[in-house]
Amino acid sequence: MSITIPFSEACERNKDVILDVLRPHLQSIESVLEIGSGTAQHAVHFARAFTQLQWQCADQAHYIDGIEAQLGVANVDNVLAPLLIDVKQPVWVASGQRFEAVFSANTFHIMSLAEVEMFFSRLPTVIFENGLLIVYGPFKYGGDFTSESNAMFDANLRSRECGSAIRDFEQVNQFANEVGFSLVADHAMPANNQCLIWQHGA
């Protein structure tokens, strides 16, 4: 049975603007774990730009075949076969395995708040001291949306009744602080998104 190569129009639109933010942070890094690789378009694009690093894809079970299909046609040798990771599982990677950075795009508003907290609680087990956490997506600040379109998007997310919602930056930053991460950058991005960067142990 053939697998359709997955494609996200949003990933195609945002991959270059995210890459511009990542350049100064990842140019000397050799390992990245991506949580929620989805279509693997980001993985392929960023791995081509940072040929010195090994990019480790990871996602839930129903995305794995699509990621493997994407990597099968992408012809990049520094993207590793995807790991099966659900943020709720207590162990993400093999014991002792660590990465210099963790990247996640458009995941926090899909997860429940409890799952976002679990995401942060697992991070210290997979990242080196001084490692970077880079998160892209929409956020609220001081309880306010950054745009009317984000408010409408949030209402749509909440209507699914599965815990999805645009997260408050302050709550997410608190989760990060509680496990030893300090915010080092907050970049406003196109389409009312942010790119947040924390450092572990900073």
N, C-alpha and C. Protein backbone atom coordinates (compact mmCIF):
# COMPACT_ATOMS: atom_id res chain seq x y z
N MET A 1 0.84 -1.19 0.00
CA MET A 1 0.00 0.00 0.00
C MET A 1 0.88 1.25 0.00
N SER A 2 0.66 2.13 -0.96
CA SER A 2 1.45 3.35 -1.04
C SER A 2 0.94 4.38 -0.04
N ILE A 3 1.86 5.20 0.47
CA ILE A 3 1.53 6.25 1.43
C ILE A 3 1.64 7.60 0.73
N THR A 4 0.62 8.42 0.84
CA THR A 4 0.66 9.75 0.25
C THR A 4 1.67 10.61 1.00
N ILE A 5 2.47 11.35 0.26
CA ILE A 5 3.43 12.25 0.88
C ILE A 5 2.65 13.39 1.53
N PRO A 6 2.76 13.57 2.84
CA PRO A 6 1.97 14.62 3.51
C PRO A 6 2.45 16.01 3.13
N PHE A 7 1.55 16.97 3.15
CA PHE A 7 1.89 18.35 2.80
C PHE A 7 1.03 19.30 3.60
N SER A 8 1.69 20.32 4.16
CA SER A 8 1.00 21.38 4.90
C SER A 8 1.31 22.71 4.24
N GLU A 9 0.28 23.41 3.80
CA GLU A 9 0.46 24.73 3.20
C GLU A 9 1.05 25.71 4.22
N ALA A 10 0.62 25.59 5.49
CA ALA A 10 1.15 26.47 6.53
C ALA A 10 2.64 26.27 6.72
N CYS A 11 3.09 25.01 6.74
CA CYS A 11 4.53 24.74 6.86
C CYS A 11 5.30 25.33 5.69
N GLU A 12 4.73 25.21 4.51
CA GLU A 12 5.41 25.73 3.33
C GLU A 12 5.55 27.25 3.41
N ARG A 13 4.52 27.93 3.94
CA ARG A 13 4.56 29.38 4.06
C ARG A 13 5.53 29.85 5.14
N ASN A 14 5.59 29.12 6.27
CA ASN A 14 6.34 29.66 7.41
C ASN A 14 7.77 29.14 7.54
N LYS A 15 8.17 28.17 6.72
CA LYS A 15 9.46 27.51 6.94
C LYS A 15 10.64 28.47 6.79
N ASP A 16 10.56 29.42 5.87
CA ASP A 16 11.69 30.32 5.67
C ASP A 16 11.78 31.38 6.76
N VAL A 17 10.65 31.89 7.23
CA VAL A 17 10.70 32.91 8.28
C VAL A 17 11.16 32.28 9.60
N ILE A 18 10.77 31.03 9.84
CA ILE A 18 11.28 30.34 11.04
C ILE A 18 12.77 30.09 10.89
N LEU A 19 13.18 29.68 9.71
CA LEU A 19 14.60 29.43 9.46
C LEU A 19 15.44 30.68 9.75
N ASP A 20 14.94 31.85 9.38
CA ASP A 20 15.68 33.08 9.64
C ASP A 20 15.90 33.28 11.15
N VAL A 21 14.92 32.91 11.96
CA VAL A 21 15.06 33.03 13.41
C VAL A 21 16.03 31.97 13.95
N LEU A 22 15.99 30.78 13.37
CA LEU A 22 16.81 29.68 13.86
C LEU A 22 18.30 29.83 13.55
N ARG A 23 18.63 30.53 12.47
CA ARG A 23 20.01 30.56 11.98
C ARG A 23 21.05 30.87 13.07
N PRO A 24 20.90 31.97 13.81
CA PRO A 24 21.96 32.27 14.80
C PRO A 24 22.00 31.30 15.96
N HIS A 25 20.92 30.56 16.19
CA HIS A 25 20.84 29.67 17.33
C HIS A 25 21.29 28.24 17.01
N LEU A 26 21.08 27.80 15.77
CA LEU A 26 21.37 26.40 15.43
C LEU A 26 22.61 26.22 14.58
N GLN A 27 23.29 27.28 14.22
CA GLN A 27 24.40 27.14 13.27
C GLN A 27 25.58 26.34 13.83
N SER A 28 25.69 26.26 15.17
CA SER A 28 26.79 25.47 15.73
C SER A 28 26.29 24.28 16.55
N ILE A 29 25.00 23.99 16.45
CA ILE A 29 24.41 22.88 17.19
C ILE A 29 24.43 21.61 16.34
N GLU A 30 24.60 20.47 16.99
CA GLU A 30 24.74 19.21 16.24
C GLU A 30 23.58 18.25 16.41
N SER A 31 22.62 18.53 17.30
CA SER A 31 21.51 17.60 17.48
C SER A 31 20.24 18.35 17.89
N VAL A 32 19.15 18.03 17.21
CA VAL A 32 17.84 18.63 17.51
C VAL A 32 16.80 17.51 17.56
N LEU A 33 15.98 17.55 18.59
CA LEU A 33 14.81 16.68 18.69
C LEU A 33 13.59 17.52 18.37
N GLU A 34 12.82 17.12 17.36
CA GLU A 34 11.59 17.83 17.02
C GLU A 34 10.40 17.04 17.55
N ILE A 35 9.62 17.65 18.42
CA ILE A 35 8.41 17.04 18.94
C ILE A 35 7.22 17.52 18.11
N GLY A 36 6.54 16.58 17.48
CA GLY A 36 5.41 16.92 16.62
C GLY A 36 5.86 17.26 15.21
N SER A 37 6.59 16.35 14.58
CA SER A 37 7.14 16.62 13.25
C SER A 37 6.08 16.73 12.18
N GLY A 38 4.90 16.13 12.38
CA GLY A 38 3.80 16.29 11.44
C GLY A 38 4.12 15.78 10.05
N THR A 39 4.22 16.71 9.10
CA THR A 39 4.50 16.33 7.71
C THR A 39 5.99 16.18 7.44
N ALA A 40 6.83 16.57 8.39
CA ALA A 40 8.30 16.54 8.28
C ALA A 40 8.84 17.58 7.31
N GLN A 41 8.01 18.52 6.86
CA GLN A 41 8.50 19.58 5.97
C GLN A 41 9.51 20.47 6.68
N HIS A 42 9.23 20.82 7.93
CA HIS A 42 10.19 21.63 8.69
C HIS A 42 11.50 20.87 8.85
N ALA A 43 11.41 19.61 9.21
CA ALA A 43 12.61 18.81 9.43
C ALA A 43 13.50 18.81 8.20
N VAL A 44 12.92 18.57 7.06
CA VAL A 44 13.68 18.50 5.81
C VAL A 44 14.30 19.86 5.48
N HIS A 45 13.50 20.92 5.61
CA HIS A 45 13.98 22.26 5.24
C HIS A 45 15.11 22.72 6.15
N PHE A 46 14.93 22.51 7.45
CA PHE A 46 15.94 22.99 8.39
C PHE A 46 17.20 22.12 8.34
N ALA A 47 17.03 20.83 8.14
CA ALA A 47 18.20 19.95 8.06
C ALA A 47 19.05 20.28 6.84
N ARG A 48 18.41 20.68 5.76
CA ARG A 48 19.18 21.09 4.57
C ARG A 48 19.96 22.38 4.84
N ALA A 49 19.41 23.24 5.69
CA ALA A 49 20.07 24.51 5.99
C ALA A 49 21.20 24.34 6.99
N PHE A 50 21.06 23.36 7.90
CA PHE A 50 22.06 23.13 8.94
C PHE A 50 22.65 21.74 8.75
N THR A 51 23.54 21.62 7.81
CA THR A 51 24.03 20.29 7.44
C THR A 51 24.90 19.64 8.51
N GLN A 52 25.34 20.44 9.50
CA GLN A 52 26.20 19.89 10.55
C GLN A 52 25.42 19.14 11.61
N LEU A 53 24.10 19.31 11.65
CA LEU A 53 23.33 18.70 12.74
C LEU A 53 22.58 17.45 12.30
N GLN A 54 22.22 16.66 13.30
CA GLN A 54 21.34 15.51 13.11
C GLN A 54 19.97 15.91 13.64
N TRP A 55 18.97 15.87 12.77
CA TRP A 55 17.61 16.28 13.13
C TRP A 55 16.79 15.02 13.41
N GLN A 56 16.32 14.90 14.65
CA GLN A 56 15.55 13.73 15.05
C GLN A 56 14.06 14.06 15.04
N CYS A 57 13.34 13.48 14.07
CA CYS A 57 11.88 13.64 14.03
C CYS A 57 11.22 12.79 15.11
N ALA A 58 10.05 13.22 15.55
CA ALA A 58 9.26 12.44 16.51
C ALA A 58 7.82 12.89 16.45
N ASP A 59 6.92 11.93 16.60
CA ASP A 59 5.49 12.28 16.63
C ASP A 59 4.69 11.07 17.11
N GLN A 60 3.38 11.28 17.18
CA GLN A 60 2.47 10.20 17.57
C GLN A 60 2.35 9.18 16.44
N ALA A 61 1.78 8.04 16.79
CA ALA A 61 1.80 6.89 15.88
C ALA A 61 1.19 7.17 14.51
N HIS A 62 0.08 7.94 14.47
CA HIS A 62 -0.61 8.10 13.19
C HIS A 62 0.11 9.04 12.23
N TYR A 63 1.21 9.67 12.68
CA TYR A 63 2.00 10.52 11.77
C TYR A 63 3.25 9.81 11.25
N ILE A 64 3.62 8.71 11.84
CA ILE A 64 4.92 8.10 11.54
C ILE A 64 5.04 7.67 10.07
N ASP A 65 4.02 7.04 9.52
CA ASP A 65 4.11 6.60 8.12
C ASP A 65 4.30 7.77 7.18
N GLY A 66 3.59 8.87 7.43
CA GLY A 66 3.73 10.06 6.58
C GLY A 66 5.11 10.67 6.68
N ILE A 67 5.66 10.72 7.89
CA ILE A 67 7.02 11.25 8.07
C ILE A 67 8.02 10.38 7.31
N GLU A 68 7.88 9.07 7.44
CA GLU A 68 8.80 8.16 6.74
C GLU A 68 8.68 8.33 5.23
N ALA A 69 7.45 8.54 4.73
CA ALA A 69 7.25 8.75 3.30
C ALA A 69 7.91 10.04 2.84
N GLN A 70 7.77 11.09 3.62
CA GLN A 70 8.39 12.38 3.28
C GLN A 70 9.91 12.25 3.23
N LEU A 71 10.47 11.60 4.24
CA LEU A 71 11.92 11.44 4.30
C LEU A 71 12.42 10.54 3.17
N GLY A 72 11.56 9.63 2.74
CA GLY A 72 11.96 8.71 1.68
C GLY A 72 12.18 9.38 0.34
N VAL A 73 11.53 10.52 0.13
CA VAL A 73 11.69 11.23 -1.15
C VAL A 73 12.53 12.50 -1.01
N ALA A 74 12.87 12.87 0.23
CA ALA A 74 13.52 14.17 0.46
C ALA A 74 15.02 14.16 0.16
N ASN A 75 15.64 13.00 0.25
CA ASN A 75 17.08 12.88 -0.03
C ASN A 75 17.92 13.79 0.88
N VAL A 76 17.66 13.70 2.18
CA VAL A 76 18.51 14.37 3.17
C VAL A 76 19.06 13.31 4.11
N ASP A 77 20.36 13.34 4.33
CA ASP A 77 20.96 12.26 5.11
C ASP A 77 21.18 12.64 6.57
N ASN A 78 20.77 13.84 6.98
CA ASN A 78 20.94 14.22 8.39
C ASN A 78 19.61 14.36 9.12
N VAL A 79 18.55 13.75 8.58
CA VAL A 79 17.28 13.61 9.30
C VAL A 79 17.11 12.15 9.66
N LEU A 80 16.96 11.89 10.94
CA LEU A 80 16.88 10.51 11.42
C LEU A 80 15.46 9.97 11.33
N ALA A 81 15.34 8.66 11.21
CA ALA A 81 14.03 8.01 11.19
C ALA A 81 13.23 8.43 12.41
N PRO A 82 11.93 8.65 12.24
CA PRO A 82 11.13 9.22 13.34
C PRO A 82 11.00 8.30 14.54
N LEU A 83 11.02 8.93 15.71
CA LEU A 83 10.71 8.23 16.95
C LEU A 83 9.22 8.34 17.23
N LEU A 84 8.66 7.30 17.82
CA LEU A 84 7.27 7.32 18.25
C LEU A 84 7.24 7.93 19.65
N ILE A 85 6.75 9.17 19.74
CA ILE A 85 6.69 9.87 21.02
C ILE A 85 5.33 10.52 21.19
N ASP A 86 4.70 10.23 22.30
CA ASP A 86 3.51 10.95 22.76
C ASP A 86 3.95 11.67 24.03
N VAL A 87 3.63 12.95 24.15
CA VAL A 87 4.14 13.70 25.30
C VAL A 87 3.70 13.10 26.63
N LYS A 88 2.62 12.32 26.62
CA LYS A 88 2.12 11.74 27.87
C LYS A 88 2.96 10.56 28.34
N GLN A 89 3.74 9.96 27.44
CA GLN A 89 4.52 8.80 27.86
C GLN A 89 5.67 9.25 28.76
N PRO A 90 5.97 8.48 29.81
CA PRO A 90 6.98 8.93 30.79
C PRO A 90 8.40 8.97 30.26
N VAL A 91 8.72 8.11 29.28
CA VAL A 91 10.07 8.06 28.72
C VAL A 91 9.98 8.35 27.22
N TRP A 92 10.71 9.36 26.76
CA TRP A 92 10.67 9.74 25.36
C TRP A 92 11.74 9.05 24.52
N VAL A 93 12.95 8.98 25.04
CA VAL A 93 14.07 8.46 24.26
C VAL A 93 14.86 7.47 25.11
N ALA A 94 15.83 6.83 24.47
CA ALA A 94 16.66 5.85 25.18
C ALA A 94 17.38 6.51 26.34
N SER A 95 17.56 5.76 27.39
CA SER A 95 18.20 6.27 28.60
C SER A 95 19.56 6.89 28.28
N GLY A 96 19.77 8.11 28.75
CA GLY A 96 21.04 8.79 28.54
C GLY A 96 21.13 9.60 27.27
N GLN A 97 20.19 9.42 26.35
CA GLN A 97 20.24 10.18 25.10
C GLN A 97 19.82 11.63 25.35
N ARG A 98 20.60 12.57 24.85
CA ARG A 98 20.33 13.99 25.05
C ARG A 98 20.51 14.73 23.72
N PHE A 99 19.84 15.88 23.63
CA PHE A 99 19.92 16.73 22.44
C PHE A 99 20.32 18.13 22.85
N GLU A 100 20.95 18.84 21.92
CA GLU A 100 21.36 20.22 22.19
C GLU A 100 20.20 21.20 22.05
N ALA A 101 19.16 20.79 21.35
CA ALA A 101 17.98 21.64 21.20
C ALA A 101 16.75 20.78 21.01
N VAL A 102 15.61 21.32 21.43
CA VAL A 102 14.30 20.72 21.17
C VAL A 102 13.48 21.76 20.44
N PHE A 103 12.83 21.34 19.35
CA PHE A 103 12.01 22.23 18.53
C PHE A 103 10.60 21.67 18.44
N SER A 104 9.60 22.57 18.50
CA SER A 104 8.21 22.14 18.33
C SER A 104 7.41 23.28 17.73
N ALA A 105 6.67 22.98 16.67
CA ALA A 105 5.89 24.00 15.97
C ALA A 105 4.41 23.62 15.92
N ASN A 106 3.59 24.58 16.27
CA ASN A 106 2.13 24.43 16.17
C ASN A 106 1.62 23.19 16.89
N THR A 107 2.10 23.01 18.13
CA THR A 107 1.67 21.87 18.93
C THR A 107 0.95 22.26 20.21
N PHE A 108 1.38 23.35 20.84
CA PHE A 108 0.85 23.68 22.17
C PHE A 108 -0.66 23.96 22.13
N HIS A 109 -1.15 24.55 21.06
CA HIS A 109 -2.58 24.85 20.99
C HIS A 109 -3.41 23.61 20.62
N ILE A 110 -2.75 22.57 20.16
CA ILE A 110 -3.44 21.31 19.89
C ILE A 110 -3.50 20.46 21.15
N MET A 111 -2.42 20.48 21.94
CA MET A 111 -2.40 19.74 23.20
C MET A 111 -3.37 20.36 24.21
N SER A 112 -3.78 19.54 25.19
CA SER A 112 -4.47 20.08 26.36
C SER A 112 -3.44 20.80 27.23
N LEU A 113 -3.91 21.62 28.16
CA LEU A 113 -2.98 22.31 29.05
C LEU A 113 -2.18 21.31 29.87
N ALA A 114 -2.84 20.22 30.30
CA ALA A 114 -2.12 19.19 31.06
C ALA A 114 -1.01 18.57 30.23
N GLU A 115 -1.25 18.39 28.93
CA GLU A 115 -0.23 17.81 28.06
C GLU A 115 0.92 18.79 27.84
N VAL A 116 0.62 20.08 27.77
CA VAL A 116 1.69 21.09 27.66
C VAL A 116 2.57 21.02 28.90
N GLU A 117 1.95 20.89 30.06
CA GLU A 117 2.73 20.79 31.30
C GLU A 117 3.57 19.52 31.30
N MET A 118 3.00 18.40 30.79
CA MET A 118 3.78 17.16 30.69
C MET A 118 4.96 17.33 29.74
N PHE A 119 4.73 18.04 28.64
CA PHE A 119 5.81 18.32 27.69
C PHE A 119 7.00 18.93 28.43
N PHE A 120 6.74 19.96 29.22
CA PHE A 120 7.83 20.62 29.92
C PHE A 120 8.45 19.71 30.99
N SER A 121 7.65 18.91 31.65
CA SER A 121 8.19 18.05 32.71
C SER A 121 9.15 17.01 32.16
N ARG A 122 8.99 16.61 30.89
CA ARG A 122 9.87 15.61 30.28
C ARG A 122 11.17 16.22 29.74
N LEU A 123 11.16 17.52 29.45
CA LEU A 123 12.29 18.13 28.76
C LEU A 123 13.65 17.90 29.44
N PRO A 124 13.75 18.04 30.77
CA PRO A 124 15.07 17.88 31.37
C PRO A 124 15.69 16.50 31.15
N THR A 125 14.88 15.51 30.78
CA THR A 125 15.40 14.16 30.56
C THR A 125 15.98 13.99 29.15
N VAL A 126 15.75 14.96 28.25
CA VAL A 126 16.18 14.77 26.86
C VAL A 126 17.10 15.88 26.35
N ILE A 127 17.38 16.89 27.18
CA ILE A 127 18.15 18.03 26.70
C ILE A 127 19.39 18.24 27.55
N PHE A 128 20.46 18.68 26.91
CA PHE A 128 21.69 18.98 27.63
C PHE A 128 21.54 20.27 28.44
N GLU A 129 22.34 20.40 29.48
CA GLU A 129 22.45 21.69 30.17
C GLU A 129 22.86 22.75 29.15
N ASN A 130 22.23 23.90 29.23
CA ASN A 130 22.42 25.01 28.29
C ASN A 130 21.76 24.76 26.93
N GLY A 131 21.03 23.65 26.81
CA GLY A 131 20.32 23.38 25.57
C GLY A 131 19.17 24.35 25.34
N LEU A 132 18.73 24.44 24.09
CA LEU A 132 17.68 25.38 23.70
C LEU A 132 16.35 24.69 23.48
N LEU A 133 15.29 25.35 23.88
CA LEU A 133 13.92 24.94 23.53
C LEU A 133 13.35 26.03 22.63
N ILE A 134 12.89 25.63 21.44
CA ILE A 134 12.35 26.58 20.47
C ILE A 134 10.92 26.15 20.14
N VAL A 135 9.97 27.05 20.38
CA VAL A 135 8.55 26.75 20.17
C VAL A 135 7.93 27.82 19.28
N TYR A 136 7.26 27.36 18.23
CA TYR A 136 6.58 28.26 17.28
C TYR A 136 5.08 28.04 17.36
N GLY A 137 4.33 29.12 17.33
CA GLY A 137 2.88 29.01 17.31
C GLY A 137 2.22 30.26 17.86
N PRO A 138 0.88 30.25 17.97
CA PRO A 138 0.15 31.40 18.50
C PRO A 138 0.12 31.38 20.03
N PHE A 139 0.13 32.57 20.63
CA PHE A 139 0.04 32.69 22.08
C PHE A 139 -0.79 33.92 22.44
N LYS A 140 -1.33 33.90 23.66
CA LYS A 140 -1.96 35.08 24.26
C LYS A 140 -0.96 35.72 25.22
N TYR A 141 -1.11 37.03 25.42
CA TYR A 141 -0.27 37.77 26.35
C TYR A 141 -1.17 38.57 27.29
N GLY A 142 -0.95 38.37 28.59
CA GLY A 142 -1.80 39.06 29.55
C GLY A 142 -3.27 38.73 29.37
N GLY A 143 -3.55 37.53 28.87
CA GLY A 143 -4.92 37.09 28.63
C GLY A 143 -5.53 37.59 27.34
N ASP A 144 -4.78 38.38 26.58
CA ASP A 144 -5.31 38.97 25.34
C ASP A 144 -4.72 38.29 24.11
N PHE A 145 -5.55 38.12 23.09
CA PHE A 145 -5.09 37.58 21.82
C PHE A 145 -4.31 38.65 21.07
N THR A 146 -3.37 38.22 20.23
CA THR A 146 -2.59 39.17 19.46
C THR A 146 -3.32 39.64 18.21
N SER A 147 -4.46 39.02 17.90
CA SER A 147 -5.25 39.42 16.74
C SER A 147 -6.67 38.87 16.88
N GLU A 148 -7.59 39.47 16.14
CA GLU A 148 -8.96 38.97 16.14
C GLU A 148 -9.03 37.58 15.51
N SER A 149 -8.19 37.35 14.51
CA SER A 149 -8.20 36.03 13.87
C SER A 149 -7.76 34.94 14.84
N ASN A 150 -6.83 35.26 15.75
CA ASN A 150 -6.42 34.28 16.75
C ASN A 150 -7.55 34.01 17.75
N ALA A 151 -8.32 35.05 18.07
CA ALA A 151 -9.48 34.85 18.95
C ALA A 151 -10.48 33.91 18.31
N MET A 152 -10.72 34.07 17.02
CA MET A 152 -11.64 33.19 16.30
C MET A 152 -11.07 31.78 16.21
N PHE A 153 -9.77 31.68 16.00
CA PHE A 153 -9.12 30.36 15.95
C PHE A 153 -9.25 29.66 17.29
N ASP A 154 -9.06 30.40 18.37
CA ASP A 154 -9.18 29.83 19.71
C ASP A 154 -10.59 29.31 19.95
N ALA A 155 -11.59 30.06 19.53
CA ALA A 155 -12.97 29.62 19.71
C ALA A 155 -13.23 28.32 18.96
N ASN A 156 -12.65 28.21 17.77
CA ASN A 156 -12.79 26.99 16.99
C ASN A 156 -12.11 25.81 17.68
N LEU A 157 -10.91 26.05 18.22
CA LEU A 157 -10.19 25.00 18.94
C LEU A 157 -11.00 24.51 20.14
N ARG A 158 -11.53 25.44 20.90
CA ARG A 158 -12.27 25.08 22.11
C ARG A 158 -13.58 24.34 21.79
N SER A 159 -14.14 24.61 20.61
CA SER A 159 -15.39 23.94 20.23
C SER A 159 -15.20 22.45 20.01
N ARG A 160 -13.95 22.02 19.84
CA ARG A 160 -13.67 20.59 19.65
C ARG A 160 -13.80 19.81 20.96
N GLU A 161 -13.75 20.52 22.08
CA GLU A 161 -13.94 19.95 23.41
C GLU A 161 -12.94 18.82 23.70
N CYS A 162 -11.70 19.05 23.29
CA CYS A 162 -10.65 18.06 23.58
C CYS A 162 -9.49 18.72 24.34
N GLY A 163 -9.70 19.93 24.81
CA GLY A 163 -8.67 20.63 25.57
C GLY A 163 -7.79 21.53 24.75
N SER A 164 -8.00 21.59 23.44
CA SER A 164 -7.18 22.46 22.59
C SER A 164 -7.55 23.92 22.81
N ALA A 165 -6.55 24.80 22.78
CA ALA A 165 -6.76 26.24 22.93
C ALA A 165 -5.44 26.95 22.75
N ILE A 166 -5.48 28.22 22.36
CA ILE A 166 -4.27 29.03 22.32
C ILE A 166 -3.82 29.28 23.76
N ARG A 167 -2.56 29.06 24.02
CA ARG A 167 -2.05 29.11 25.39
C ARG A 167 -1.61 30.53 25.79
N ASP A 168 -1.71 30.79 27.09
CA ASP A 168 -1.20 32.03 27.65
C ASP A 168 0.32 31.93 27.75
N PHE A 169 1.01 32.93 27.20
CA PHE A 169 2.46 32.94 27.28
C PHE A 169 2.93 32.83 28.73
N GLU A 170 2.29 33.55 29.63
CA GLU A 170 2.73 33.57 31.02
C GLU A 170 2.65 32.20 31.66
N GLN A 171 1.61 31.43 31.34
CA GLN A 171 1.48 30.08 31.88
C GLN A 171 2.57 29.17 31.33
N VAL A 172 2.79 29.26 30.02
CA VAL A 172 3.81 28.43 29.38
C VAL A 172 5.20 28.79 29.92
N ASN A 173 5.45 30.07 30.06
CA ASN A 173 6.75 30.50 30.58
C ASN A 173 6.95 30.01 32.02
N GLN A 174 5.88 29.96 32.79
CA GLN A 174 5.97 29.43 34.16
C GLN A 174 6.34 27.95 34.13
N PHE A 175 5.69 27.19 33.24
CA PHE A 175 6.05 25.78 33.11
C PHE A 175 7.54 25.64 32.78
N ALA A 176 8.03 26.50 31.89
CA ALA A 176 9.44 26.45 31.49
C ALA A 176 10.35 26.77 32.68
N ASN A 177 10.03 27.83 33.39
CA ASN A 177 10.83 28.23 34.54
C ASN A 177 10.90 27.14 35.60
N GLU A 178 9.78 26.44 35.79
CA GLU A 178 9.71 25.42 36.84
C GLU A 178 10.65 24.25 36.59
N VAL A 179 11.04 24.04 35.33
CA VAL A 179 11.96 22.94 35.02
C VAL A 179 13.33 23.46 34.58
N GLY A 180 13.63 24.72 34.91
CA GLY A 180 14.97 25.22 34.72
C GLY A 180 15.27 25.91 33.42
N PHE A 181 14.24 26.35 32.69
CA PHE A 181 14.45 27.07 31.43
C PHE A 181 14.16 28.55 31.62
N SER A 182 14.99 29.39 31.00
CA SER A 182 14.80 30.83 31.04
C SER A 182 14.60 31.36 29.63
N LEU A 183 13.65 32.26 29.46
CA LEU A 183 13.37 32.83 28.14
C LEU A 183 14.54 33.70 27.68
N VAL A 184 14.99 33.46 26.45
CA VAL A 184 16.08 34.28 25.90
C VAL A 184 15.63 35.09 24.69
N ALA A 185 14.50 34.74 24.07
CA ALA A 185 14.02 35.50 22.91
C ALA A 185 12.54 35.23 22.68
N ASP A 186 11.84 36.26 22.22
CA ASP A 186 10.43 36.15 21.85
C ASP A 186 10.27 36.94 20.55
N HIS A 187 10.17 36.21 19.45
CA HIS A 187 10.10 36.84 18.14
C HIS A 187 8.65 36.86 17.63
N ALA A 188 8.16 38.04 17.29
CA ALA A 188 6.87 38.13 16.61
C ALA A 188 7.04 37.66 15.17
N MET A 189 6.14 36.79 14.73
CA MET A 189 6.24 36.17 13.42
C MET A 189 5.03 36.52 12.57
N PRO A 190 5.10 36.29 11.26
CA PRO A 190 3.92 36.52 10.41
C PRO A 190 2.74 35.65 10.84
N ALA A 191 1.56 36.03 10.39
CA ALA A 191 0.32 35.28 10.64
C ALA A 191 0.02 35.17 12.13
N ASN A 192 0.42 36.20 12.90
CA ASN A 192 0.06 36.29 14.32
C ASN A 192 0.60 35.13 15.16
N ASN A 193 1.80 34.70 14.83
CA ASN A 193 2.48 33.66 15.59
C ASN A 193 3.70 34.24 16.30
N GLN A 194 4.26 33.44 17.19
CA GLN A 194 5.48 33.80 17.90
C GLN A 194 6.49 32.68 17.76
N CYS A 195 7.77 33.01 17.92
CA CYS A 195 8.80 32.00 18.04
C CYS A 195 9.52 32.28 19.36
N LEU A 196 9.30 31.40 20.33
CA LEU A 196 9.83 31.56 21.67
C LEU A 196 11.04 30.67 21.85
N ILE A 197 12.08 31.21 22.47
CA ILE A 197 13.31 30.45 22.68
C ILE A 197 13.71 30.54 24.15
N TRP A 198 13.85 29.38 24.77
CA TRP A 198 14.31 29.27 26.15
C TRP A 198 15.66 28.55 26.16
N GLN A 199 16.42 28.77 27.22
CA GLN A 199 17.66 28.02 27.42
C GLN A 199 17.63 27.32 28.76
N HIS A 200 18.05 26.07 28.77
CA HIS A 200 18.06 25.27 29.97
C HIS A 200 19.25 25.65 30.84
N GLY A 201 18.99 25.99 32.09
CA GLY A 201 20.05 26.31 33.02
C GLY A 201 20.62 27.70 32.86
N ALA A 202 19.99 28.51 31.99
CA ALA A 202 20.51 29.87 31.77
C ALA A 202 20.22 30.76 32.96
